[in-house]
Amino acid sequence: MDPDAVIIQDVTLIHQVDLFSGLSSDGYVLINTTSSFSELDFGDFFDRFDPTRLMTCPATDIALELLGRPLPNAALLGGFAALSGEITLDAIDKAVREHFSGSVASATRRP
């Protein structure tokens, strides 16, 4: 009821449901989209948030490029790691490799 972060995988829901209910102004917002926050048509709604805690990420596009399938979850986890520092990329890499194989596991490799 009072999330510390909201990660929106499907941007088409953004104006359909109150996805930000209970999120405080110091919460994190990560949205799977190629649009900027100003392009999302929320007026000044996001002005109440710390801008260093807001990020959009084209996670579906990244997944399509790396996997050939629209599976944005791992890209969103990476985005959340970058945004918040609450989890590490190494932890995400380890979890993906423990649960997946093939192209999904190999796509998590970093330079």
PDB file of N, CA and C in Angstrom:
ATOM      1  N   MET A   1       0.808  -1.201   0.000  1.00  0.00           N
ATOM      2  CA  MET A   1       0.000   0.000   0.000  1.00  0.00           C
ATOM      3  C   MET A   1       0.853   1.268   0.000  1.00  0.00           C
ATOM      4  N   ASP A   2       2.088   1.167   0.500  1.00  0.00           N
ATOM      5  CA  ASP A   2       3.002   2.307   0.535  1.00  0.00           C
ATOM      6  C   ASP A   2       4.350   1.894  -0.062  1.00  0.00           C
ATOM      7  N   PRO A   3       4.420   1.791  -1.383  1.00  0.00           N
ATOM      8  CA  PRO A   3       5.656   1.296  -2.004  1.00  0.00           C
ATOM      9  C   PRO A   3       6.796   2.304  -1.908  1.00  0.00           C
ATOM     10  N   ASP A   4       8.007   1.779  -1.899  1.00  0.00           N
ATOM     11  CA  ASP A   4       9.202   2.620  -1.975  1.00  0.00           C
ATOM     12  C   ASP A   4       9.582   2.896  -3.423  1.00  0.00           C
ATOM     13  N   ALA A   5       9.082   2.046  -4.321  1.00  0.00           N
ATOM     14  CA  ALA A   5       9.395   2.184  -5.743  1.00  0.00           C
ATOM     15  C   ALA A   5       8.230   1.660  -6.569  1.00  0.00           C
ATOM     16  N   VAL A   6       8.069   2.239  -7.744  1.00  0.00           N
ATOM     17  CA  VAL A   6       7.085   1.767  -8.702  1.00  0.00           C
ATOM     18  C   VAL A   6       7.830   1.543 -10.015  1.00  0.00           C
ATOM     19  N   ILE A   7       7.750   0.310 -10.504  1.00  0.00           N
ATOM     20  CA  ILE A   7       8.347  -0.036 -11.784  1.00  0.00           C
ATOM     21  C   ILE A   7       7.195  -0.404 -12.707  1.00  0.00           C
ATOM     22  N   ILE A   8       7.026   0.364 -13.754  1.00  0.00           N
ATOM     23  CA  ILE A   8       5.905   0.171 -14.664  1.00  0.00           C
ATOM     24  C   ILE A   8       6.401  -0.512 -15.929  1.00  0.00           C
ATOM     25  N   GLN A   9       5.991  -1.761 -16.073  1.00  0.00           N
ATOM     26  CA  GLN A   9       6.416  -2.555 -17.223  1.00  0.00           C
ATOM     27  C   GLN A   9       5.593  -2.222 -18.459  1.00  0.00           C
ATOM     28  N   ASP A  10       4.321  -1.915 -18.280  1.00  0.00           N
ATOM     29  CA  ASP A  10       3.424  -1.643 -19.410  1.00  0.00           C
ATOM     30  C   ASP A  10       2.947  -0.197 -19.339  1.00  0.00           C
ATOM     31  N   VAL A  11       3.551   0.650 -20.128  1.00  0.00           N
ATOM     32  CA  VAL A  11       3.257   2.088 -20.088  1.00  0.00           C
ATOM     33  C   VAL A  11       1.811   2.387 -20.482  1.00  0.00           C
ATOM     34  N   THR A  12       1.137   1.476 -21.174  1.00  0.00           N
ATOM     35  CA  THR A  12      -0.258   1.736 -21.561  1.00  0.00           C
ATOM     36  C   THR A  12      -1.177   1.790 -20.349  1.00  0.00           C
ATOM     37  N   LEU A  13      -0.728   1.309 -19.211  1.00  0.00           N
ATOM     38  CA  LEU A  13      -1.541   1.353 -17.988  1.00  0.00           C
ATOM     39  C   LEU A  13      -1.430   2.679 -17.248  1.00  0.00           C
ATOM     40  N   ILE A  14      -0.499   3.503 -17.653  1.00  0.00           N
ATOM     41  CA  ILE A  14      -0.147   4.682 -16.873  1.00  0.00           C
ATOM     42  C   ILE A  14      -1.304   5.658 -16.648  1.00  0.00           C
ATOM     43  N   HIS A  15      -2.236   5.750 -17.573  1.00  0.00           N
ATOM     44  CA  HIS A  15      -3.381   6.637 -17.400  1.00  0.00           C
ATOM     45  C   HIS A  15      -4.662   5.863 -17.115  1.00  0.00           C
ATOM     46  N   GLN A  16      -4.573   4.548 -16.968  1.00  0.00           N
ATOM     47  CA  GLN A  16      -5.743   3.700 -16.735  1.00  0.00           C
ATOM     48  C   GLN A  16      -5.969   3.401 -15.259  1.00  0.00           C
ATOM     49  N   VAL A  17      -4.880   3.322 -14.497  1.00  0.00           N
ATOM     50  CA  VAL A  17      -4.915   2.910 -13.092  1.00  0.00           C
ATOM     51  C   VAL A  17      -4.032   3.873 -12.307  1.00  0.00           C
ATOM     52  N   ASP A  18      -4.383   4.131 -11.049  1.00  0.00           N
ATOM     53  CA  ASP A  18      -3.551   4.987 -10.208  1.00  0.00           C
ATOM     54  C   ASP A  18      -2.341   4.182  -9.726  1.00  0.00           C
ATOM     55  N   LEU A  19      -1.319   4.133 -10.555  1.00  0.00           N
ATOM     56  CA  LEU A  19      -0.133   3.342 -10.264  1.00  0.00           C
ATOM     57  C   LEU A  19       0.753   3.955  -9.184  1.00  0.00           C
ATOM     58  N   PHE A  20       0.537   5.206  -8.865  1.00  0.00           N
ATOM     59  CA  PHE A  20       1.416   5.911  -7.935  1.00  0.00           C
ATOM     60  C   PHE A  20       0.800   6.093  -6.546  1.00  0.00           C
ATOM     61  N   SER A  21      -0.337   5.490  -6.328  1.00  0.00           N
ATOM     62  CA  SER A  21      -1.014   5.592  -5.034  1.00  0.00           C
ATOM     63  C   SER A  21      -0.099   5.077  -3.920  1.00  0.00           C
ATOM     64  N   GLY A  22       0.087   5.875  -2.898  1.00  0.00           N
ATOM     65  CA  GLY A  22       0.894   5.486  -1.749  1.00  0.00           C
ATOM     66  C   GLY A  22       2.379   5.747  -1.891  1.00  0.00           C
ATOM     67  N   LEU A  23       2.825   6.107  -3.075  1.00  0.00           N
ATOM     68  CA  LEU A  23       4.248   6.372  -3.283  1.00  0.00           C
ATOM     69  C   LEU A  23       4.580   7.773  -2.784  1.00  0.00           C
ATOM     70  N   SER A  24       5.567   7.861  -1.899  1.00  0.00           N
ATOM     71  CA  SER A  24       5.947   9.168  -1.366  1.00  0.00           C
ATOM     72  C   SER A  24       6.801   9.918  -2.380  1.00  0.00           C
ATOM     73  N   SER A  25       7.005  11.187  -2.133  1.00  0.00           N
ATOM     74  CA  SER A  25       7.761  12.031  -3.054  1.00  0.00           C
ATOM     75  C   SER A  25       9.240  11.648  -3.112  1.00  0.00           C
ATOM     76  N   ASP A  26       9.718  10.822  -2.167  1.00  0.00           N
ATOM     77  CA  ASP A  26      11.103  10.355  -2.248  1.00  0.00           C
ATOM     78  C   ASP A  26      11.187   8.918  -2.764  1.00  0.00           C
ATOM     79  N   GLY A  27      10.089   8.431  -3.339  1.00  0.00           N
ATOM     80  CA  GLY A  27      10.076   7.099  -3.938  1.00  0.00           C
ATOM     81  C   GLY A  27      10.718   7.095  -5.311  1.00  0.00           C
ATOM     82  N   TYR A  28      11.000   5.894  -5.788  1.00  0.00           N
ATOM     83  CA  TYR A  28      11.586   5.711  -7.116  1.00  0.00           C
ATOM     84  C   TYR A  28      10.489   5.401  -8.122  1.00  0.00           C
ATOM     85  N   VAL A  29      10.645   5.938  -9.343  1.00  0.00           N
ATOM     86  CA  VAL A  29       9.723   5.650 -10.435  1.00  0.00           C
ATOM     87  C   VAL A  29      10.557   5.271 -11.654  1.00  0.00           C
ATOM     88  N   LEU A  30      10.311   4.067 -12.164  1.00  0.00           N
ATOM     89  CA  LEU A  30      10.970   3.589 -13.367  1.00  0.00           C
ATOM     90  C   LEU A  30       9.887   3.132 -14.329  1.00  0.00           C
ATOM     91  N   ILE A  31       9.906   3.659 -15.544  1.00  0.00           N
ATOM     92  CA  ILE A  31       8.861   3.356 -16.512  1.00  0.00           C
ATOM     93  C   ILE A  31       9.478   2.817 -17.794  1.00  0.00           C
ATOM     94  N   ASN A  32       8.956   1.699 -18.256  1.00  0.00           N
ATOM     95  CA  ASN A  32       9.387   1.066 -19.494  1.00  0.00           C
ATOM     96  C   ASN A  32       8.787   1.838 -20.674  1.00  0.00           C
ATOM     97  N   THR A  33       9.563   2.762 -21.207  1.00  0.00           N
ATOM     98  CA  THR A  33       9.098   3.575 -22.330  1.00  0.00           C
ATOM     99  C   THR A  33      10.276   4.273 -22.990  1.00  0.00           C
ATOM    100  N   THR A  34      10.080   4.646 -24.228  1.00  0.00           N
ATOM    101  CA  THR A  34      11.072   5.468 -24.919  1.00  0.00           C
ATOM    102  C   THR A  34      10.781   6.955 -24.722  1.00  0.00           C
ATOM    103  N   SER A  35       9.649   7.256 -24.112  1.00  0.00           N
ATOM    104  CA  SER A  35       9.246   8.646 -23.877  1.00  0.00           C
ATOM    105  C   SER A  35       9.926   9.213 -22.639  1.00  0.00           C
ATOM    106  N   SER A  36      10.022  10.519 -22.587  1.00  0.00           N
ATOM    107  CA  SER A  36      10.507  11.192 -21.386  1.00  0.00           C
ATOM    108  C   SER A  36       9.320  11.419 -20.445  1.00  0.00           C
ATOM    109  N   PHE A  37       9.604  11.814 -19.218  1.00  0.00           N
ATOM    110  CA  PHE A  37       8.516  12.093 -18.279  1.00  0.00           C
ATOM    111  C   PHE A  37       7.637  13.232 -18.779  1.00  0.00           C
ATOM    112  N   SER A  38       8.226  14.227 -19.412  1.00  0.00           N
ATOM    113  CA  SER A  38       7.414  15.335 -19.916  1.00  0.00           C
ATOM    114  C   SER A  38       6.503  14.885 -21.058  1.00  0.00           C
ATOM    115  N   GLU A  39       6.896  13.876 -21.785  1.00  0.00           N
ATOM    116  CA  GLU A  39       6.080  13.364 -22.891  1.00  0.00           C
ATOM    117  C   GLU A  39       4.955  12.429 -22.430  1.00  0.00           C
ATOM    118  N   LEU A  40       4.950  12.049 -21.170  1.00  0.00           N
ATOM    119  CA  LEU A  40       3.947  11.112 -20.665  1.00  0.00           C
ATOM    120  C   LEU A  40       2.618  11.776 -20.320  1.00  0.00           C
ATOM    121  N   ASP A  41       2.505  13.065 -20.508  1.00  0.00           N
ATOM    122  CA  ASP A  41       1.246  13.793 -20.342  1.00  0.00           C
ATOM    123  C   ASP A  41       0.693  13.724 -18.917  1.00  0.00           C
ATOM    124  N   PHE A  42       1.567  14.029 -17.954  1.00  0.00           N
ATOM    125  CA  PHE A  42       1.158  14.086 -16.560  1.00  0.00           C
ATOM    126  C   PHE A  42       1.227  15.497 -16.013  1.00  0.00           C
ATOM    127  N   GLY A  43       1.433  16.461 -16.881  1.00  0.00           N
ATOM    128  CA  GLY A  43       1.537  17.837 -16.414  1.00  0.00           C
ATOM    129  C   GLY A  43       2.680  17.984 -15.440  1.00  0.00           C
ATOM    130  N   ASP A  44       2.411  18.596 -14.289  1.00  0.00           N
ATOM    131  CA  ASP A  44       3.459  18.806 -13.291  1.00  0.00           C
ATOM    132  C   ASP A  44       3.454  17.737 -12.190  1.00  0.00           C
ATOM    133  N   PHE A  45       2.739  16.628 -12.395  1.00  0.00           N
ATOM    134  CA  PHE A  45       2.639  15.573 -11.384  1.00  0.00           C
ATOM    135  C   PHE A  45       4.014  15.120 -10.885  1.00  0.00           C
ATOM    136  N   PHE A  46       4.955  14.891 -11.778  1.00  0.00           N
ATOM    137  CA  PHE A  46       6.261  14.367 -11.382  1.00  0.00           C
ATOM    138  C   PHE A  46       7.162  15.440 -10.778  1.00  0.00           C
ATOM    139  N   ASP A  47       6.743  16.694 -10.792  1.00  0.00           N
ATOM    140  CA  ASP A  47       7.526  17.763 -10.183  1.00  0.00           C
ATOM    141  C   ASP A  47       7.693  17.568  -8.686  1.00  0.00           C
ATOM    142  N   ARG A  48       6.794  16.829  -8.059  1.00  0.00           N
ATOM    143  CA  ARG A  48       6.871  16.620  -6.604  1.00  0.00           C
ATOM    144  C   ARG A  48       7.917  15.571  -6.217  1.00  0.00           C
ATOM    145  N   PHE A  49       8.458  14.862  -7.222  1.00  0.00           N
ATOM    146  CA  PHE A  49       9.448  13.821  -6.964  1.00  0.00           C
ATOM    147  C   PHE A  49      10.859  14.357  -7.135  1.00  0.00           C
ATOM    148  N   ASP A  50      11.792  13.741  -6.430  1.00  0.00           N
ATOM    149  CA  ASP A  50      13.207  14.023  -6.600  1.00  0.00           C
ATOM    150  C   ASP A  50      13.587  13.536  -8.006  1.00  0.00           C
ATOM    151  N   PRO A  51      14.054  14.421  -8.884  1.00  0.00           N
ATOM    152  CA  PRO A  51      14.345  14.014 -10.259  1.00  0.00           C
ATOM    153  C   PRO A  51      15.425  12.944 -10.372  1.00  0.00           C
ATOM    154  N   THR A  52      16.264  12.800  -9.340  1.00  0.00           N
ATOM    155  CA  THR A  52      17.281  11.746  -9.374  1.00  0.00           C
ATOM    156  C   THR A  52      16.676  10.372  -9.081  1.00  0.00           C
ATOM    157  N   ARG A  53      15.380  10.334  -8.768  1.00  0.00           N
ATOM    158  CA  ARG A  53      14.692   9.072  -8.487  1.00  0.00           C
ATOM    159  C   ARG A  53      13.661   8.735  -9.568  1.00  0.00           C
ATOM    160  N   LEU A  54      13.751   9.421 -10.686  1.00  0.00           N
ATOM    161  CA  LEU A  54      12.844   9.180 -11.818  1.00  0.00           C
ATOM    162  C   LEU A  54      13.654   8.747 -13.023  1.00  0.00           C
ATOM    163  N   MET A  55      13.193   7.701 -13.709  1.00  0.00           N
ATOM    164  CA  MET A  55      13.895   7.267 -14.914  1.00  0.00           C
ATOM    165  C   MET A  55      12.949   6.528 -15.843  1.00  0.00           C
ATOM    166  N   THR A  56      13.131   6.766 -17.125  1.00  0.00           N
ATOM    167  CA  THR A  56      12.480   5.939 -18.128  1.00  0.00           C
ATOM    168  C   THR A  56      13.558   5.053 -18.741  1.00  0.00           C
ATOM    169  N   CYS A  57      13.139   3.887 -19.198  1.00  0.00           N
ATOM    170  CA  CYS A  57      14.069   2.915 -19.759  1.00  0.00           C
ATOM    171  C   CYS A  57      13.356   2.183 -20.890  1.00  0.00           C
ATOM    172  N   PRO A  58      13.937   2.148 -22.078  1.00  0.00           N
ATOM    173  CA  PRO A  58      13.305   1.424 -23.188  1.00  0.00           C
ATOM    174  C   PRO A  58      13.554  -0.083 -23.062  1.00  0.00           C
ATOM    175  N   ALA A  59      13.091  -0.674 -21.982  1.00  0.00           N
ATOM    176  CA  ALA A  59      13.403  -2.067 -21.646  1.00  0.00           C
ATOM    177  C   ALA A  59      12.905  -3.052 -22.698  1.00  0.00           C
ATOM    178  N   THR A  60      11.733  -2.833 -23.251  1.00  0.00           N
ATOM    179  CA  THR A  60      11.234  -3.738 -24.280  1.00  0.00           C
ATOM    180  C   THR A  60      12.116  -3.664 -25.514  1.00  0.00           C
ATOM    181  N   ASP A  61      12.524  -2.469 -25.897  1.00  0.00           N
ATOM    182  CA  ASP A  61      13.416  -2.310 -27.043  1.00  0.00           C
ATOM    183  C   ASP A  61      14.760  -2.998 -26.803  1.00  0.00           C
ATOM    184  N   ILE A  62      15.275  -2.870 -25.595  1.00  0.00           N
ATOM    185  CA  ILE A  62      16.543  -3.521 -25.243  1.00  0.00           C
ATOM    186  C   ILE A  62      16.387  -5.043 -25.339  1.00  0.00           C
ATOM    187  N   ALA A  63      15.299  -5.565 -24.807  1.00  0.00           N
ATOM    188  CA  ALA A  63      15.060  -7.015 -24.852  1.00  0.00           C
ATOM    189  C   ALA A  63      14.903  -7.500 -26.283  1.00  0.00           C
ATOM    190  N   LEU A  64      14.190  -6.756 -27.098  1.00  0.00           N
ATOM    191  CA  LEU A  64      14.028  -7.146 -28.499  1.00  0.00           C
ATOM    192  C   LEU A  64      15.379  -7.174 -29.213  1.00  0.00           C
ATOM    193  N   GLU A  65      16.214  -6.195 -28.923  1.00  0.00           N
ATOM    194  CA  GLU A  65      17.531  -6.129 -29.561  1.00  0.00           C
ATOM    195  C   GLU A  65      18.429  -7.284 -29.113  1.00  0.00           C
ATOM    196  N   LEU A  66      18.431  -7.576 -27.805  1.00  0.00           N
ATOM    197  CA  LEU A  66      19.345  -8.592 -27.278  1.00  0.00           C
ATOM    198  C   LEU A  66      18.795 -10.018 -27.339  1.00  0.00           C
ATOM    199  N   LEU A  67      17.479 -10.164 -27.204  1.00  0.00           N
ATOM    200  CA  LEU A  67      16.880 -11.495 -27.118  1.00  0.00           C
ATOM    201  C   LEU A  67      16.000 -11.857 -28.309  1.00  0.00           C
ATOM    202  N   GLY A  68      15.571 -10.829 -29.018  1.00  0.00           N
ATOM    203  CA  GLY A  68      14.643 -11.073 -30.113  1.00  0.00           C
ATOM    204  C   GLY A  68      13.225 -11.298 -29.631  1.00  0.00           C
ATOM    205  N   ARG A  69      12.978 -11.033 -28.356  1.00  0.00           N
ATOM    206  CA  ARG A  69      11.652 -11.205 -27.758  1.00  0.00           C
ATOM    207  C   ARG A  69      11.369 -10.046 -26.802  1.00  0.00           C
ATOM    208  N   PRO A  70      10.098  -9.679 -26.639  1.00  0.00           N
ATOM    209  CA  PRO A  70       9.754  -8.559 -25.755  1.00  0.00           C
ATOM    210  C   PRO A  70       9.679  -8.980 -24.286  1.00  0.00           C
ATOM    211  N   LEU A  71      10.827  -9.259 -23.678  1.00  0.00           N
ATOM    212  CA  LEU A  71      10.905  -9.674 -22.276  1.00  0.00           C
ATOM    213  C   LEU A  71      11.680  -8.614 -21.496  1.00  0.00           C
ATOM    214  N   PRO A  72      11.010  -7.562 -21.032  1.00  0.00           N
ATOM    215  CA  PRO A  72      11.717  -6.414 -20.457  1.00  0.00           C
ATOM    216  C   PRO A  72      12.139  -6.550 -18.999  1.00  0.00           C
ATOM    217  N   ASN A  73      11.815  -7.643 -18.327  1.00  0.00           N
ATOM    218  CA  ASN A  73      12.056  -7.726 -16.879  1.00  0.00           C
ATOM    219  C   ASN A  73      13.508  -7.500 -16.474  1.00  0.00           C
ATOM    220  N   ALA A  74      14.438  -8.209 -17.109  1.00  0.00           N
ATOM    221  CA  ALA A  74      15.845  -8.074 -16.718  1.00  0.00           C
ATOM    222  C   ALA A  74      16.363  -6.661 -17.004  1.00  0.00           C
ATOM    223  N   ALA A  75      15.960  -6.093 -18.132  1.00  0.00           N
ATOM    224  CA  ALA A  75      16.382  -4.723 -18.439  1.00  0.00           C
ATOM    225  C   ALA A  75      15.819  -3.743 -17.406  1.00  0.00           C
ATOM    226  N   LEU A  76      14.598  -3.977 -16.959  1.00  0.00           N
ATOM    227  CA  LEU A  76      14.022  -3.110 -15.925  1.00  0.00           C
ATOM    228  C   LEU A  76      14.754  -3.286 -14.594  1.00  0.00           C
ATOM    229  N   LEU A  77      15.148  -4.503 -14.262  1.00  0.00           N
ATOM    230  CA  LEU A  77      15.935  -4.708 -13.042  1.00  0.00           C
ATOM    231  C   LEU A  77      17.264  -3.964 -13.131  1.00  0.00           C
ATOM    232  N   GLY A  78      17.898  -4.027 -14.302  1.00  0.00           N
ATOM    233  CA  GLY A  78      19.140  -3.278 -14.494  1.00  0.00           C
ATOM    234  C   GLY A  78      18.911  -1.781 -14.366  1.00  0.00           C
ATOM    235  N   GLY A  79      17.802  -1.310 -14.921  1.00  0.00           N
ATOM    236  CA  GLY A  79      17.455   0.103 -14.789  1.00  0.00           C
ATOM    237  C   GLY A  79      17.228   0.494 -13.346  1.00  0.00           C
ATOM    238  N   PHE A  80      16.555  -0.378 -12.594  1.00  0.00           N
ATOM    239  CA  PHE A  80      16.312  -0.088 -11.180  1.00  0.00           C
ATOM    240  C   PHE A  80      17.620  -0.089 -10.395  1.00  0.00           C
ATOM    241  N   ALA A  81      18.525  -1.001 -10.729  1.00  0.00           N
ATOM    242  CA  ALA A  81      19.837  -1.020 -10.073  1.00  0.00           C
ATOM    243  C   ALA A  81      20.563   0.299 -10.318  1.00  0.00           C
ATOM    244  N   ALA A  82      20.535   0.774 -11.560  1.00  0.00           N
ATOM    245  CA  ALA A  82      21.197   2.035 -11.891  1.00  0.00           C
ATOM    246  C   ALA A  82      20.531   3.220 -11.204  1.00  0.00           C
ATOM    247  N   LEU A  83      19.220   3.197 -11.150  1.00  0.00           N
ATOM    248  CA  LEU A  83      18.469   4.306 -10.568  1.00  0.00           C
ATOM    249  C   LEU A  83      18.630   4.382  -9.057  1.00  0.00           C
ATOM    250  N   SER A  84      18.516   3.250  -8.395  1.00  0.00           N
ATOM    251  CA  SER A  84      18.406   3.255  -6.936  1.00  0.00           C
ATOM    252  C   SER A  84      19.672   2.872  -6.178  1.00  0.00           C
ATOM    253  N   GLY A  85      20.474   2.019  -6.759  1.00  0.00           N
ATOM    254  CA  GLY A  85      21.609   1.483  -6.018  1.00  0.00           C
ATOM    255  C   GLY A  85      21.189   0.462  -4.973  1.00  0.00           C
ATOM    256  N   GLU A  86      19.923   0.091  -4.947  1.00  0.00           N
ATOM    257  CA  GLU A  86      19.398  -0.853  -3.959  1.00  0.00           C
ATOM    258  C   GLU A  86      19.800  -2.303  -4.256  1.00  0.00           C
ATOM    259  N   ILE A  87      20.081  -2.600  -5.517  1.00  0.00           N
ATOM    260  CA  ILE A  87      20.557  -3.919  -5.918  1.00  0.00           C
ATOM    261  C   ILE A  87      21.734  -3.710  -6.854  1.00  0.00           C
ATOM    262  N   THR A  88      22.545  -4.734  -7.007  1.00  0.00           N
ATOM    263  CA  THR A  88      23.716  -4.605  -7.873  1.00  0.00           C
ATOM    264  C   THR A  88      23.489  -5.346  -9.186  1.00  0.00           C
ATOM    265  N   LEU A  89      24.218  -4.924 -10.205  1.00  0.00           N
ATOM    266  CA  LEU A  89      24.163  -5.633 -11.477  1.00  0.00           C
ATOM    267  C   LEU A  89      24.688  -7.053 -11.328  1.00  0.00           C
ATOM    268  N   ASP A  90      25.678  -7.257 -10.447  1.00  0.00           N
ATOM    269  CA  ASP A  90      26.186  -8.608 -10.209  1.00  0.00           C
ATOM    270  C   ASP A  90      25.101  -9.513  -9.630  1.00  0.00           C
ATOM    271  N   ALA A  91      24.289  -8.989  -8.736  1.00  0.00           N
ATOM    272  CA  ALA A  91      23.201  -9.786  -8.149  1.00  0.00           C
ATOM    273  C   ALA A  91      22.165 -10.143  -9.211  1.00  0.00           C
ATOM    274  N   ILE A  92      21.859  -9.202 -10.094  1.00  0.00           N
ATOM    275  CA  ILE A  92      20.908  -9.478 -11.170  1.00  0.00           C
ATOM    276  C   ILE A  92      21.477 -10.527 -12.111  1.00  0.00           C
ATOM    277  N   ASP A  93      22.741 -10.369 -12.483  1.00  0.00           N
ATOM    278  CA  ASP A  93      23.409 -11.320 -13.371  1.00  0.00           C
ATOM    279  C   ASP A  93      23.370 -12.728 -12.774  1.00  0.00           C
ATOM    280  N   LYS A  94      23.691 -12.840 -11.510  1.00  0.00           N
ATOM    281  CA  LYS A  94      23.693 -14.142 -10.836  1.00  0.00           C
ATOM    282  C   LYS A  94      22.290 -14.751 -10.823  1.00  0.00           C
ATOM    283  N   ALA A  95      21.295 -13.961 -10.488  1.00  0.00           N
ATOM    284  CA  ALA A  95      19.919 -14.475 -10.429  1.00  0.00           C
ATOM    285  C   ALA A  95      19.430 -14.932 -11.800  1.00  0.00           C
ATOM    286  N   VAL A  96      19.716 -14.148 -12.831  1.00  0.00           N
ATOM    287  CA  VAL A  96      19.286 -14.523 -14.184  1.00  0.00           C
ATOM    288  C   VAL A  96      19.964 -15.820 -14.602  1.00  0.00           C
ATOM    289  N   ARG A  97      21.254 -15.935 -14.339  1.00  0.00           N
ATOM    290  CA  ARG A  97      21.991 -17.147 -14.723  1.00  0.00           C
ATOM    291  C   ARG A  97      21.537 -18.376 -13.940  1.00  0.00           C
ATOM    292  N   GLU A  98      21.077 -18.188 -12.711  1.00  0.00           N
ATOM    293  CA  GLU A  98      20.586 -19.324 -11.918  1.00  0.00           C
ATOM    294  C   GLU A  98      19.232 -19.822 -12.400  1.00  0.00           C
ATOM    295  N   HIS A  99      18.441 -18.944 -13.001  1.00  0.00           N
ATOM    296  CA  HIS A  99      17.074 -19.302 -13.376  1.00  0.00           C
ATOM    297  C   HIS A  99      16.847 -19.474 -14.871  1.00  0.00           C
ATOM    298  N   PHE A 100      17.773 -19.002 -15.682  1.00  0.00           N
ATOM    299  CA  PHE A 100      17.598 -19.070 -17.127  1.00  0.00           C
ATOM    300  C   PHE A 100      18.863 -19.588 -17.788  1.00  0.00           C
ATOM    301  N   SER A 101      18.709 -20.053 -19.001  1.00  0.00           N
ATOM    302  CA  SER A 101      19.854 -20.500 -19.785  1.00  0.00           C
ATOM    303  C   SER A 101      19.721 -19.930 -21.191  1.00  0.00           C
ATOM    304  N   GLY A 102      20.619 -20.326 -22.062  1.00  0.00           N
ATOM    305  CA  GLY A 102      20.538 -19.926 -23.454  1.00  0.00           C
ATOM    306  C   GLY A 102      20.701 -18.428 -23.656  1.00  0.00           C
ATOM    307  N   SER A 103      19.919 -17.903 -24.593  1.00  0.00           N
ATOM    308  CA  SER A 103      20.076 -16.501 -24.990  1.00  0.00           C
ATOM    309  C   SER A 103      19.732 -15.530 -23.860  1.00  0.00           C
ATOM    310  N   VAL A 104      18.825 -15.915 -22.968  1.00  0.00           N
ATOM    311  CA  VAL A 104      18.475 -15.013 -21.854  1.00  0.00           C
ATOM    312  C   VAL A 104      19.670 -14.870 -20.923  1.00  0.00           C
ATOM    313  N   ALA A 105      20.294 -15.977 -20.551  1.00  0.00           N
ATOM    314  CA  ALA A 105      21.445 -15.924 -19.650  1.00  0.00           C
ATOM    315  C   ALA A 105      22.633 -15.242 -20.306  1.00  0.00           C
ATOM    316  N   SER A 106      22.890 -15.541 -21.561  1.00  0.00           N
ATOM    317  CA  SER A 106      24.066 -14.956 -22.219  1.00  0.00           C
ATOM    318  C   SER A 106      23.887 -13.470 -22.492  1.00  0.00           C
ATOM    319  N   ALA A 107      22.667 -12.993 -22.593  1.00  0.00           N
ATOM    320  CA  ALA A 107      22.424 -11.565 -22.851  1.00  0.00           C
ATOM    321  C   ALA A 107      22.737 -10.707 -21.642  1.00  0.00           C
ATOM    322  N   THR A 108      22.888 -11.300 -20.458  1.00  0.00           N
ATOM    323  CA  THR A 108      23.194 -10.509 -19.271  1.00  0.00           C
ATOM    324  C   THR A 108      24.687 -10.230 -19.138  1.00  0.00           C
ATOM    325  N   ARG A 109      25.491 -10.836 -19.975  1.00  0.00           N
ATOM    326  CA  ARG A 109      26.932 -10.606 -19.887  1.00  0.00           C
ATOM    327  C   ARG A 109      27.259  -9.152 -20.143  1.00  0.00           C
ATOM    328  N   ARG A 110      28.134  -8.638 -19.312  1.00  0.00           N
ATOM    329  CA  ARG A 110      28.566  -7.253 -19.458  1.00  0.00           C
ATOM    330  C   ARG A 110      30.006  -7.221 -19.898  1.00  0.00           C
ATOM    331  N   PRO A 111      30.420  -6.151 -20.564  1.00  0.00           N
ATOM    332  CA  PRO A 111      31.832  -6.042 -20.974  1.00  0.00           C
ATOM    333  C   PRO A 111      32.747  -5.948 -19.783  1.00  0.00           C
TER     334      PRO A 111
END
